[in-house]
Amino acid sequence: MRSEDIIREVADTFFYVWRKFTAEIGAEMEMIPHQWDIVEYLGNNKWRLRNDFNFSTLDSIGILDKTFPHTQYLRADIVTKEGKEHIVVTFGMMEEHATFVPYLVYMESIERAKIDDIRNRVKDLIVTWYESIMRRNQEMLWNFVKDKYDKIITYK
């Protein structure tokens, strides 16, 4: 798989999450790059990735959640590690001293990465994230992330 293909699939997945959270539960979120730069509305509650957006220029895509007092994000990056491109998915939480701390959700070489594997790795995170917003309980999400994923300092 090419990095352009995997980032396109991740963008589609992240937009689905963004739309579900903002439309269904009123979460205060934005995508980076901005959601309206990468998707278009087709009418009748149908969306698709823009045909005129060049996904080969993206090395990062994310969802920024400002629903709670402490911001958090889900992010995918294309990085080079040991001479090979990898997809790295992290969940970052603003912890002490207003510092974002990333937790490793998924990392695989581009040639071995599969969108279904990424979706499976983030599925429980997304469910817990959604529930934490519904219950207005950010600690619930943070406890889940800290228990399930490893804190990382750097991955480049």
Protein backbone atom coordinates (compact mmCIF):
# COMPACT_ATOMS: atom_id res chain seq x y z
CA MET A 1 0.00 0.00 0.00
CA ARG A 2 1.22 3.52 -0.72
CA SER A 3 1.31 6.22 1.95
CA GLU A 4 -1.17 8.27 -0.12
CA ASP A 5 -3.64 5.37 -0.10
CA ILE A 6 -3.39 4.71 3.62
CA ILE A 7 -3.67 8.40 4.57
CA ARG A 8 -6.72 8.69 2.31
CA GLU A 9 -8.36 5.73 4.10
CA VAL A 10 -7.46 7.18 7.50
CA ALA A 11 -8.92 10.56 6.43
CA ASP A 12 -12.16 8.83 5.50
CA THR A 13 -12.26 7.02 8.86
CA PHE A 14 -11.43 10.16 10.84
CA PHE A 15 -14.08 12.16 9.00
CA TYR A 16 -16.66 9.49 9.87
CA VAL A 17 -15.67 9.81 13.55
CA TRP A 18 -15.71 13.63 13.38
CA ARG A 19 -19.16 13.67 11.76
CA LYS A 20 -20.63 11.15 14.20
CA PHE A 21 -19.30 13.00 17.25
CA THR A 22 -20.23 16.50 16.13
CA ALA A 23 -23.64 15.67 14.66
CA GLU A 24 -24.86 13.17 17.24
CA ILE A 25 -23.51 14.48 20.53
CA GLY A 26 -22.41 18.04 19.78
CA ALA A 27 -18.72 17.48 20.41
CA GLU A 28 -16.54 20.52 19.73
CA MET A 29 -14.05 19.09 17.23
CA GLU A 30 -12.14 20.00 14.13
CA MET A 31 -10.00 18.07 11.73
CA ILE A 32 -6.51 19.02 10.66
CA PRO A 33 -6.39 19.65 7.77
CA HIS A 34 -9.81 21.22 8.06
CA GLN A 35 -12.64 18.79 7.29
CA TRP A 36 -14.14 21.00 4.57
CA ASP A 37 -10.83 21.01 2.69
CA ILE A 38 -10.86 17.23 2.29
CA VAL A 39 -14.56 16.27 2.04
CA GLU A 40 -17.55 17.47 0.08
CA TYR A 41 -21.25 17.25 0.77
CA LEU A 42 -23.27 15.42 -1.87
CA GLY A 43 -26.70 16.14 -0.40
CA ASN A 44 -29.12 13.88 1.41
CA ASN A 45 -26.64 13.46 4.33
CA LYS A 46 -24.01 11.90 2.07
CA TRP A 47 -20.33 12.88 2.02
CA ARG A 48 -17.20 11.82 0.19
CA LEU A 49 -13.55 12.67 0.07
CA ARG A 50 -12.84 15.45 -2.40
CA ASN A 51 -11.55 14.27 -5.76
CA ASP A 52 -9.52 17.47 -6.12
CA PHE A 53 -7.65 17.06 -2.81
CA ASN A 54 -4.10 15.77 -3.22
CA PHE A 55 -3.66 13.25 -0.39
CA SER A 56 -0.06 12.60 -1.43
CA THR A 57 0.82 15.99 0.12
CA LEU A 58 -0.39 14.89 3.58
CA ASP A 59 1.99 13.42 6.09
CA SER A 60 -0.39 14.01 9.01
CA ILE A 61 -4.12 14.08 9.69
CA GLY A 62 -5.97 14.41 12.94
CA ILE A 63 -9.06 15.18 14.97
CA LEU A 64 -8.75 17.84 17.65
CA ASP A 65 -11.31 17.60 20.45
CA LYS A 66 -12.00 20.79 22.41
CA THR A 67 -15.15 19.51 24.14
CA PHE A 68 -13.49 19.30 27.55
CA PRO A 69 -11.33 21.85 29.37
CA HIS A 70 -8.26 19.77 28.45
CA THR A 71 -7.87 19.27 24.70
CA GLN A 72 -7.14 15.85 23.21
CA TYR A 73 -6.49 14.52 19.72
CA LEU A 74 -6.37 11.45 17.53
CA ARG A 75 -3.67 11.74 14.92
CA ALA A 76 -2.06 9.72 12.14
CA ASP A 77 1.39 10.55 10.81
CA ILE A 78 3.54 9.19 8.04
CA VAL A 79 7.08 8.97 9.41
CA THR A 80 10.34 7.47 8.23
CA LYS A 81 11.85 4.95 10.60
CA GLU A 82 14.94 2.95 9.72
CA GLY A 83 14.64 4.04 6.10
CA LYS A 84 11.02 2.90 5.68
CA GLU A 85 7.78 4.85 5.76
CA HIS A 86 5.45 3.97 8.64
CA ILE A 87 1.96 5.01 9.65
CA VAL A 88 1.80 6.01 13.32
CA VAL A 89 -1.53 6.61 15.04
CA THR A 90 -1.45 8.36 18.41
CA PHE A 91 -3.93 9.68 20.91
CA GLY A 92 -2.68 12.78 22.68
CA MET A 93 -3.93 14.16 25.94
CA MET A 94 -3.10 17.46 27.55
CA GLU A 95 -1.61 16.50 30.88
CA GLU A 96 0.24 18.38 33.59
CA HIS A 97 1.73 21.75 32.67
CA ALA A 98 -0.45 21.98 29.53
CA THR A 99 1.78 19.53 27.68
CA PHE A 100 0.40 17.10 25.12
CA VAL A 101 1.43 13.53 25.84
CA PRO A 102 0.97 11.06 22.97
CA TYR A 103 0.02 7.43 23.45
CA LEU A 104 0.83 4.91 20.74
CA VAL A 105 -2.31 3.35 19.26
CA TYR A 106 -0.87 1.80 16.08
CA MET A 107 2.42 1.70 14.18
CA GLU A 108 3.22 -0.30 11.09
CA SER A 109 5.29 0.05 7.93
CA ILE A 110 3.29 1.43 5.02
CA GLU A 111 3.91 -1.73 3.02
CA ARG A 112 2.31 -3.87 5.77
CA ALA A 113 -0.34 -1.42 7.04
CA LYS A 114 -4.00 -2.28 6.59
CA ILE A 115 -6.87 0.11 7.20
CA ASP A 116 -8.89 -2.67 8.86
CA ASP A 117 -6.08 -3.17 11.39
CA ILE A 118 -6.04 0.56 12.14
CA ARG A 119 -9.82 0.62 12.53
CA ASN A 120 -9.69 -2.38 14.87
CA ARG A 121 -7.01 -0.69 17.01
CA VAL A 122 -9.02 2.53 17.38
CA LYS A 123 -12.48 0.96 17.72
CA ASP A 124 -12.55 0.64 21.52
CA LEU A 125 -10.90 4.04 21.86
CA ILE A 126 -13.63 5.64 19.73
CA VAL A 127 -16.40 3.93 21.72
CA THR A 128 -14.89 5.06 25.03
CA TRP A 129 -14.26 8.58 23.69
CA TYR A 130 -17.88 8.87 22.56
CA GLU A 131 -19.16 7.59 25.90
CA SER A 132 -16.91 9.96 27.84
CA ILE A 133 -18.36 12.93 25.97
CA MET A 134 -21.91 11.67 26.52
CA ARG A 135 -21.24 11.33 30.25
CA ARG A 136 -19.14 14.52 30.42
CA ASN A 137 -16.39 12.45 32.02
CA GLN A 138 -12.96 13.03 30.48
CA GLU A 139 -11.25 11.00 33.20
CA MET A 140 -13.02 7.88 31.92
CA LEU A 141 -11.31 8.31 28.54
CA TRP A 142 -7.94 9.14 30.03
CA ASN A 143 -8.00 6.08 32.27
CA PHE A 144 -8.84 3.91 29.26
CA VAL A 145 -5.99 5.37 27.18
CA LYS A 146 -3.44 5.09 29.99
CA ASP A 147 -4.42 1.45 30.63
CA LYS A 148 -4.53 0.33 27.00
CA TYR A 149 -1.73 2.23 25.22
CA ASP A 150 1.90 3.07 25.89
CA LYS A 151 3.00 6.66 26.49
CA ILE A 152 5.63 7.70 23.97
CA ILE A 153 8.19 10.45 23.99
CA THR A 154 9.15 10.38 20.30
CA TYR A 155 8.53 8.09 17.36
CA LYS A 156 10.64 9.69 14.66
